[in-house]
């Protein structure tokens, strides 16, 4: 359901606005509808300065809505539901081998504010110290090289299947301590989360069933690992989060929820970065030539791709008091849809905002801002930079099959699910 303002219609959950109308829709939001009220009482915020201020000011704008809107636990149902799926959901919830009520009260990093957020972030940040990130760089190089060997010999290749998905999946799998044969499970679980929380199935009993099934399977793998690391900590991420001797530690449920968030964010964001940047370079051969002449420009290509095609399209906040934005009164507690995808193309911040320019300077909001800035942003940038630097010379050997490109249908993220390349004859 959408609301009409004059002749302009926008619904952030309807991804068809990205099908050939991205620039026009963003221009209309930023220029004419910087505060756009949806029929369910949410407000879409689109301009860079407004989004940046909201993300910066955690006292005035709470991150509380993110847990229910973006994480999916506990699942929410909307409208009429299929009776058989409701029965199945009831049976599944009753069979969950841990206390379901803990999920409603758990401190989830994306949905809490300081001082609780400060404590939780301090705990999980132990796993992202520079020493640990540096130790991953050699492994990332090996993973990229292995993937590129398969690409270099084929006449055609799907860049998503062969590179953009496996690189981040293998990296996060190693971080989580999963054996290689279980890495495919991470992609499958992440896809369930994306479809059921951010896709067309959201709010249905069927989606809730699949989410709970995923939770049970995920918990069955990681809860024993969490308890083992609590008893016998090692030098790894999970041990850092749950060390029993630490004053500040996560409960088992909090650790599971954080690992679910990490699993999804770490692979979806980096998959998006790799795939989107490759497509931009293929569509702008003059920019690809510049990267080949000066490989240091890979950084700029990645940052410009992040700006133009934000892996996370929007996040939520809510005002803690009544506010007025661009003359529109917004009551305390009303969810704000902070449209990062639009803010990152605001001409007030970026001249010629729709142009791909790998020498562009300036800050973007693709990894968030303020206390909730993405914890894994540095790792994601390293993965993206290393992958694109190694891939760039190969791109000149292929053409991009534009007609077979496929964008995902998740409202929350923007990534290609298929990037077909055909070797030049």
Protein backbone atom coordinates (compact mmCIF):
# COMPACT_ATOMS: atom_id res chain seq x y z
CA UNK A 1 0.00 0.00 0.00
CA UNK A 2 1.31 3.44 -0.88
CA UNK A 3 0.33 7.03 -0.26
CA UNK A 4 -0.10 9.68 -2.97
CA UNK A 5 1.40 13.15 -2.64
CA UNK A 6 0.35 15.07 -5.74
CA UNK A 7 1.20 12.56 -8.46
CA UNK A 8 4.27 11.06 -6.77
CA UNK A 9 3.96 7.59 -5.23
CA UNK A 10 6.68 5.89 -3.21
CA UNK A 11 6.85 2.77 -1.08
CA UNK A 12 10.33 1.73 0.10
CA UNK A 13 9.24 -1.92 0.28
CA UNK A 14 8.18 -1.94 -3.38
CA UNK A 15 11.46 -2.53 -5.19
CA UNK A 16 10.06 -1.75 -8.63
CA UNK A 17 11.23 1.84 -8.13
CA UNK A 18 14.73 0.50 -8.82
CA UNK A 19 13.69 -1.01 -12.17
CA UNK A 20 14.80 1.74 -14.51
CA UNK A 21 13.47 4.60 -12.37
CA UNK A 22 16.18 4.93 -9.74
CA UNK A 23 17.38 8.41 -10.69
CA UNK A 24 13.89 9.86 -11.23
CA UNK A 25 12.55 8.46 -7.95
CA UNK A 26 15.50 9.66 -5.90
CA UNK A 27 15.36 13.11 -7.50
CA UNK A 28 11.66 13.39 -6.66
CA UNK A 29 12.25 12.33 -3.05
CA UNK A 30 15.24 14.59 -2.44
CA UNK A 31 13.92 17.66 -4.23
CA UNK A 32 10.17 17.58 -3.65
CA UNK A 33 9.45 15.14 -0.81
CA UNK A 34 12.33 15.26 1.71
CA UNK A 35 9.87 14.10 4.40
CA UNK A 36 7.37 11.65 2.88
CA UNK A 37 4.64 10.21 5.07
CA UNK A 38 3.60 6.62 4.43
CA UNK A 39 0.08 5.37 5.21
CA UNK A 40 1.30 3.24 8.12
CA UNK A 41 2.66 6.30 9.96
CA UNK A 42 6.30 5.98 8.92
CA UNK A 43 8.21 8.92 7.45
CA UNK A 44 10.77 8.55 4.65
CA UNK A 45 13.72 10.95 5.13
CA UNK A 46 15.78 11.51 1.99
CA UNK A 47 18.23 14.42 2.12
CA UNK A 48 21.86 13.87 3.07
CA UNK A 49 22.02 16.51 5.80
CA UNK A 50 18.84 15.23 7.46
CA UNK A 51 19.82 11.55 7.33
CA UNK A 52 23.33 12.32 8.61
CA UNK A 53 21.96 14.39 11.49
CA UNK A 54 19.44 11.69 12.46
CA UNK A 55 22.09 8.96 12.41
CA UNK A 56 24.46 11.18 14.40
CA UNK A 57 22.05 12.24 17.15
CA UNK A 58 21.29 9.09 19.13
CA UNK A 59 19.84 11.10 22.02
CA UNK A 60 17.11 12.56 19.86
CA UNK A 61 16.67 9.65 17.42
CA UNK A 62 16.57 6.10 18.77
CA UNK A 63 17.62 3.01 16.82
CA UNK A 64 14.95 0.92 18.58
CA UNK A 65 12.82 0.15 15.47
CA UNK A 66 15.67 -1.67 13.72
CA UNK A 67 15.33 -4.91 15.64
CA UNK A 68 11.74 -5.56 14.63
CA UNK A 69 11.98 -4.07 11.14
CA UNK A 70 15.35 -5.37 9.99
CA UNK A 71 16.25 -8.44 12.05
CA UNK A 72 12.98 -10.35 12.08
CA UNK A 73 13.16 -11.83 15.59
CA UNK A 74 10.69 -12.32 17.00
CA UNK A 75 8.82 -12.60 13.66
CA UNK A 76 5.89 -10.25 13.11
CA UNK A 77 2.67 -11.15 11.29
CA UNK A 78 0.64 -8.70 9.22
CA UNK A 79 -2.95 -9.06 7.97
CA UNK A 80 -4.78 -12.33 7.36
CA UNK A 81 -2.70 -15.47 7.62
CA UNK A 82 -2.77 -19.01 6.29
CA UNK A 83 -4.25 -21.22 9.04
CA UNK A 84 -2.01 -24.20 8.24
CA UNK A 85 1.11 -22.05 8.38
CA UNK A 86 -0.04 -20.57 11.70
CA UNK A 87 -0.45 -24.10 13.08
CA UNK A 88 3.01 -25.03 11.82
CA UNK A 89 4.47 -21.86 13.37
CA UNK A 90 2.92 -22.66 16.75
CA UNK A 91 4.38 -26.18 16.67
CA UNK A 92 7.83 -24.89 15.73
CA UNK A 93 7.93 -22.24 18.44
CA UNK A 94 6.92 -24.84 21.03
CA UNK A 95 9.78 -27.09 19.88
CA UNK A 96 12.54 -24.46 20.04
CA UNK A 97 15.16 -25.87 22.43
CA UNK A 98 15.85 -22.54 24.17
CA UNK A 99 13.89 -19.79 25.88
CA UNK A 100 12.03 -17.89 23.14
CA UNK A 101 11.20 -15.03 25.52
CA UNK A 102 14.88 -14.14 25.66
CA UNK A 103 14.76 -13.05 22.03
CA UNK A 104 12.24 -10.33 22.80
CA UNK A 105 14.45 -8.81 25.50
CA UNK A 106 17.92 -9.49 24.08
CA UNK A 107 20.21 -6.51 23.45
CA UNK A 108 20.70 -6.54 19.67
CA UNK A 109 23.41 -4.14 18.55
CA UNK A 110 21.47 -2.52 15.69
CA UNK A 111 18.41 -1.82 17.86
CA UNK A 112 19.79 -0.38 21.10
CA UNK A 113 21.08 3.06 22.07
CA UNK A 114 23.86 4.20 24.41
CA UNK A 115 24.71 3.32 27.11
CA UNK A 116 23.54 -0.23 26.29
CA UNK A 117 24.84 0.04 22.74
CA UNK A 118 28.23 1.23 24.02
CA UNK A 119 28.51 -1.89 26.17
CA UNK A 120 27.40 -4.32 23.44
CA UNK A 121 29.59 -2.76 20.77
CA UNK A 122 32.57 -2.81 23.12
CA UNK A 123 32.09 -6.56 23.55
CA UNK A 124 31.68 -7.52 19.90
CA UNK A 125 34.39 -5.08 18.76
CA UNK A 126 36.92 -7.35 20.48
CA UNK A 127 36.63 -9.59 17.45
CA UNK A 128 37.45 -6.79 14.99
CA UNK A 129 40.67 -5.42 16.44
CA UNK A 130 43.30 -4.41 13.83
CA UNK A 131 45.49 -7.40 14.68
CA UNK A 132 42.73 -9.83 13.73
CA UNK A 133 41.80 -7.95 10.55
CA UNK A 134 45.44 -7.86 9.43
CA UNK A 135 45.71 -11.60 10.01
CA UNK A 136 42.85 -12.16 7.54
CA UNK A 137 44.46 -10.32 4.63
CA UNK A 138 46.60 -13.24 3.43
CA UNK A 139 43.59 -15.54 3.60
CA UNK A 140 41.50 -13.07 1.56
CA UNK A 141 44.21 -12.96 -1.13
CA UNK A 142 44.18 -16.77 -1.33
CA UNK A 143 40.38 -16.94 -1.55
CA UNK A 144 40.26 -14.31 -4.31
CA UNK A 145 43.02 -16.05 -6.28
CA UNK A 146 41.22 -19.38 -6.04
CA UNK A 147 37.97 -17.88 -7.32
CA UNK A 148 39.68 -16.01 -10.16
CA UNK A 149 41.40 -19.16 -11.42
CA UNK A 150 38.00 -20.57 -12.28
CA UNK A 151 36.90 -17.33 -13.97
CA UNK A 152 40.06 -16.92 -16.06
CA UNK A 153 39.52 -20.16 -17.99
CA UNK A 154 35.81 -19.95 -18.84
CA UNK A 155 34.08 -18.62 -21.96
CA UNK A 156 31.22 -17.32 -19.84
CA UNK A 157 30.84 -16.75 -16.14
CA UNK A 158 28.33 -15.51 -13.59
CA UNK A 159 30.40 -13.10 -11.54
CA UNK A 160 28.02 -13.33 -8.58
CA UNK A 161 28.17 -17.11 -8.36
CA UNK A 162 31.90 -17.37 -8.97
CA UNK A 163 33.27 -14.38 -7.08
CA UNK A 164 30.95 -11.88 -5.39
CA UNK A 165 29.27 -14.53 -3.22
CA UNK A 166 32.08 -17.00 -2.42
CA UNK A 167 34.70 -14.44 -1.35
CA UNK A 168 32.73 -12.90 1.55
CA UNK A 169 31.08 -16.21 2.45
CA UNK A 170 34.44 -17.93 2.84
CA UNK A 171 35.86 -14.99 4.80
CA UNK A 172 32.99 -14.83 7.28
CA UNK A 173 32.90 -18.62 7.49
CA UNK A 174 36.53 -18.62 8.56
CA UNK A 175 35.88 -15.82 11.05
CA UNK A 176 33.02 -17.80 12.59
CA UNK A 177 35.10 -20.95 12.76
CA UNK A 178 32.91 -23.03 10.45
CA UNK A 179 34.51 -25.81 8.43
CA UNK A 180 34.61 -25.12 4.68
CA UNK A 181 31.97 -27.75 3.94
CA UNK A 182 29.45 -25.76 5.98
CA UNK A 183 30.10 -22.38 4.37
CA UNK A 184 27.23 -22.88 1.92
CA UNK A 185 24.86 -22.96 4.91
CA UNK A 186 25.76 -19.33 5.66
CA UNK A 187 24.54 -18.23 2.24
CA UNK A 188 21.37 -20.30 2.56
CA UNK A 189 20.58 -18.90 6.03
CA UNK A 190 21.31 -15.37 4.89
CA UNK A 191 19.00 -15.79 1.89
CA UNK A 192 16.18 -16.95 4.18
CA UNK A 193 16.64 -13.86 6.33
CA UNK A 194 16.65 -11.58 3.29
CA UNK A 195 13.54 -13.09 1.67
CA UNK A 196 11.50 -13.41 4.84
CA UNK A 197 12.35 -10.10 6.52
CA UNK A 198 13.10 -7.80 3.58
CA UNK A 199 11.39 -9.46 0.62
CA UNK A 200 7.88 -10.00 -0.68
CA UNK A 201 7.14 -12.69 1.94
CA UNK A 202 7.65 -10.36 4.92
CA UNK A 203 4.85 -10.35 7.48
CA UNK A 204 3.41 -13.73 6.46
CA UNK A 205 3.12 -16.84 8.58
CA UNK A 206 5.06 -18.72 5.93
CA UNK A 207 7.97 -16.32 6.31
CA UNK A 208 7.80 -16.67 10.10
CA UNK A 209 7.93 -20.45 9.77
CA UNK A 210 11.02 -20.29 7.58
CA UNK A 211 12.67 -17.78 9.94
CA UNK A 212 12.09 -19.98 12.97
CA UNK A 213 13.35 -23.04 11.09
CA UNK A 214 16.47 -21.08 10.17
CA UNK A 215 16.89 -19.92 13.76
CA UNK A 216 16.68 -23.49 15.06
CA UNK A 217 19.20 -24.74 12.53
CA UNK A 218 21.55 -21.79 13.10
CA UNK A 219 21.25 -22.12 16.88
CA UNK A 220 21.88 -25.85 16.65
CA UNK A 221 25.24 -25.12 15.03
CA UNK A 222 26.37 -22.10 17.03
CA UNK A 223 24.95 -22.56 20.54
CA UNK A 224 27.26 -25.54 21.23
CA UNK A 225 30.18 -23.52 19.83
CA UNK A 226 29.27 -20.60 22.10
CA UNK A 227 29.13 -22.78 25.20
CA UNK A 228 32.38 -24.53 24.30
CA UNK A 229 34.15 -21.18 23.81
CA UNK A 230 32.77 -19.96 27.12
CA UNK A 231 34.37 -22.94 28.86
CA UNK A 232 37.51 -23.10 26.74
CA UNK A 233 38.10 -19.75 25.03
CA UNK A 234 40.43 -19.52 22.08
CA UNK A 235 41.76 -16.74 19.87
CA UNK A 236 38.62 -16.22 17.79
CA UNK A 237 35.58 -13.97 17.45
CA UNK A 238 33.10 -16.10 19.40
CA UNK A 239 35.51 -16.53 22.29
CA UNK A 240 36.00 -12.77 22.43
CA UNK A 241 32.24 -12.22 22.75
CA UNK A 242 31.44 -14.78 25.44
CA UNK A 243 34.52 -15.15 27.68
CA UNK A 244 33.13 -16.24 31.04
CA UNK A 245 35.76 -14.34 33.02
CA UNK A 246 34.89 -11.00 31.41
CA UNK A 247 32.64 -8.61 33.35
CA UNK A 248 30.93 -7.55 30.11
CA UNK A 249 29.85 -10.50 28.00
CA UNK A 250 26.93 -11.50 25.80
CA UNK A 251 24.31 -14.04 26.75
CA UNK A 252 24.02 -17.06 24.47
CA UNK A 253 20.89 -15.61 22.84
CA UNK A 254 22.52 -12.20 22.33
CA UNK A 255 25.54 -13.91 20.80
CA UNK A 256 23.34 -15.94 18.42
CA UNK A 257 21.46 -12.83 17.30
CA UNK A 258 24.69 -10.92 16.76
CA UNK A 259 26.13 -13.80 14.72
CA UNK A 260 22.98 -13.83 12.55
CA UNK A 261 23.37 -10.10 11.94
CA UNK A 262 27.09 -10.51 11.26
CA UNK A 263 26.46 -13.43 8.90
CA UNK A 264 23.97 -11.45 6.82
CA UNK A 265 25.75 -8.10 6.88
CA UNK A 266 29.22 -9.47 6.23
CA UNK A 267 28.28 -11.42 3.13
CA UNK A 268 25.44 -9.33 1.65
CA UNK A 269 27.23 -5.98 1.94
CA UNK A 270 30.48 -7.24 0.45
CA UNK A 271 28.73 -9.25 -2.26
CA UNK A 272 26.94 -6.05 -3.21
CA UNK A 273 30.15 -4.01 -3.18
CA UNK A 274 32.04 -6.46 -5.39
CA UNK A 275 29.24 -7.01 -7.88
CA UNK A 276 28.08 -3.42 -8.16
CA UNK A 277 31.62 -2.09 -8.61
CA UNK A 278 32.37 -4.64 -11.33
CA UNK A 279 29.20 -3.65 -13.20
CA UNK A 280 30.02 0.07 -12.95
CA UNK A 281 33.53 -0.56 -14.31
CA UNK A 282 32.16 -2.66 -17.18
CA UNK A 283 29.65 0.06 -18.02
CA UNK A 284 32.34 2.76 -17.86
CA UNK A 285 35.34 1.36 -19.75
CA UNK A 286 37.12 4.71 -19.57
CA UNK A 287 37.08 4.44 -15.76
CA UNK A 288 38.20 0.80 -15.93
CA UNK A 289 41.14 1.91 -18.09
CA UNK A 290 42.09 4.46 -15.44
CA UNK A 291 42.04 1.75 -12.77
CA UNK A 292 44.28 -0.46 -14.90
CA UNK A 293 46.71 2.45 -15.37
CA UNK A 294 46.62 3.34 -11.66
CA UNK A 295 45.50 0.43 -9.43
CA UNK A 296 45.26 2.77 -6.42
CA UNK A 297 42.03 4.09 -7.99
CA UNK A 298 40.34 0.81 -7.04
CA UNK A 299 39.62 2.43 -3.68
CA UNK A 300 37.78 5.28 -5.38
CA UNK A 301 35.83 2.88 -7.58
CA UNK A 302 34.67 0.94 -4.52
CA UNK A 303 33.68 4.09 -2.62
CA UNK A 304 31.77 5.50 -5.58
CA UNK A 305 29.98 2.18 -6.02
CA UNK A 306 29.05 2.20 -2.33
CA UNK A 307 27.64 5.69 -2.72
CA UNK A 308 25.64 5.10 -5.90
CA UNK A 309 24.41 1.60 -5.04
CA UNK A 310 24.28 1.52 -1.25
CA UNK A 311 24.28 -2.13 -0.14
CA UNK A 312 21.92 -1.08 2.70
CA UNK A 313 19.18 1.05 1.15
CA UNK A 314 17.71 2.38 4.41
CA UNK A 315 17.76 2.04 8.19
CA UNK A 316 15.26 3.00 10.87
CA UNK A 317 15.20 5.53 13.66
CA UNK A 318 12.44 7.08 15.77
CA UNK A 319 12.40 10.51 17.45
CA UNK A 320 12.41 10.44 21.23
CA UNK A 321 10.42 13.69 21.24
CA UNK A 322 8.12 15.51 18.83
CA UNK A 323 10.13 17.07 15.99
CA UNK A 324 9.45 19.17 12.91
CA UNK A 325 11.34 18.29 9.72
CA UNK A 326 10.97 20.58 6.72
CA UNK A 327 7.77 21.92 8.19
CA UNK A 328 6.31 18.44 8.74
CA UNK A 329 5.44 17.62 12.37
CA UNK A 330 6.67 14.13 13.30
CA UNK A 331 5.46 12.72 16.62
CA UNK A 332 7.75 10.99 19.10
CA UNK A 333 7.97 7.27 18.39
CA UNK A 334 7.03 7.51 14.71
CA UNK A 335 9.41 5.28 12.67
CA UNK A 336 11.72 7.17 10.35
CA UNK A 337 12.92 5.41 7.19
CA UNK A 338 16.34 6.98 6.70
CA UNK A 339 16.75 6.52 2.95
CA UNK A 340 20.51 6.18 2.59
CA UNK A 341 20.09 5.35 -1.10
CA UNK A 342 18.57 8.79 -1.70
CA UNK A 343 20.81 10.74 0.68
CA UNK A 344 23.86 9.39 -1.14
CA UNK A 345 22.67 11.04 -4.36
CA UNK A 346 21.67 14.41 -2.90
CA UNK A 347 23.03 17.14 -5.22
CA UNK A 348 23.49 19.43 -2.20
CA UNK A 349 26.27 17.08 -1.13
CA UNK A 350 27.43 15.57 -4.44
CA UNK A 351 27.70 17.60 -7.68
CA UNK A 352 26.30 15.64 -10.62
CA UNK A 353 25.19 13.00 -8.10
CA UNK A 354 24.21 10.21 -10.52
CA UNK A 355 27.59 10.13 -12.27
CA UNK A 356 30.09 7.37 -11.51
CA UNK A 357 33.34 9.21 -10.76
CA UNK A 358 36.07 7.21 -9.07
CA UNK A 359 38.01 10.39 -8.21
CA UNK A 360 35.09 11.91 -6.31
CA UNK A 361 35.94 13.16 -2.83
CA UNK A 362 33.63 13.35 0.16
CA UNK A 363 31.94 11.23 2.76
CA UNK A 364 29.04 8.89 2.05
CA UNK A 365 26.61 7.08 4.35
CA UNK A 366 26.71 3.59 2.86
CA UNK A 367 28.18 2.13 6.06
CA UNK A 368 26.02 4.31 8.29
CA UNK A 369 27.12 7.12 10.57
CA UNK A 370 27.41 7.89 14.26
CA UNK A 371 27.62 5.25 16.98
CA UNK A 372 25.99 2.65 14.73
CA UNK A 373 28.51 2.95 11.89
CA UNK A 374 29.12 -0.54 10.49
CA UNK A 375 31.53 -2.49 12.68
CA UNK A 376 32.81 -4.50 9.72
CA UNK A 377 33.23 -1.56 7.31
CA UNK A 378 37.02 -1.80 7.34
CA UNK A 379 36.97 -5.54 6.64
CA UNK A 380 34.40 -5.09 3.86
CA UNK A 381 36.53 -2.44 2.21
CA UNK A 382 39.59 -4.69 2.36
CA UNK A 383 37.67 -7.56 0.74
CA UNK A 384 36.25 -5.27 -1.92
CA UNK A 385 39.56 -3.61 -2.72
CA UNK A 386 41.52 -6.86 -2.94
CA UNK A 387 38.87 -8.58 -5.04
CA UNK A 388 38.41 -5.71 -7.51
CA UNK A 389 42.13 -5.07 -7.86
CA UNK A 390 42.66 -8.69 -8.85
CA UNK A 391 39.55 -8.81 -11.04
CA UNK A 392 40.03 -5.56 -13.00
CA UNK A 393 42.57 -6.89 -15.56
CA UNK A 394 40.25 -9.82 -16.35
CA UNK A 395 37.25 -7.57 -17.01
CA UNK A 396 38.80 -6.34 -20.26
CA UNK A 397 38.53 -9.89 -21.63
CA UNK A 398 34.74 -10.03 -21.22
CA UNK A 399 31.59 -8.19 -22.22
CA UNK A 400 28.68 -7.67 -19.86
CA UNK A 401 25.41 -9.34 -20.85
CA UNK A 402 23.12 -6.47 -19.83
CA UNK A 403 19.94 -8.30 -20.77
CA UNK A 404 20.65 -11.12 -18.34
CA UNK A 405 21.61 -8.94 -15.35
CA UNK A 406 19.40 -9.64 -12.35
CA UNK A 407 18.88 -7.43 -9.29
CA UNK A 408 17.74 -8.97 -6.04
CA UNK A 409 14.19 -8.26 -4.85
CA UNK A 410 15.07 -7.37 -1.28
CA UNK A 411 13.86 -3.91 -0.35
CA UNK A 412 16.59 -3.48 2.27
CA UNK A 413 19.62 -4.35 0.17
CA UNK A 414 20.77 -3.63 -3.37
CA UNK A 415 22.84 -6.27 -5.09
CA UNK A 416 22.88 -8.26 -8.29
CA UNK A 417 21.93 -11.91 -8.07
CA UNK A 418 23.34 -12.56 -11.55
CA UNK A 419 26.14 -10.78 -13.45
CA UNK A 420 26.80 -12.73 -16.67
CA UNK A 421 30.06 -12.09 -18.48
CA UNK A 422 30.84 -13.42 -21.95
CA UNK A 423 34.41 -13.77 -23.16
CA UNK A 424 35.27 -11.64 -26.18
CA UNK A 425 35.97 -13.52 -29.38
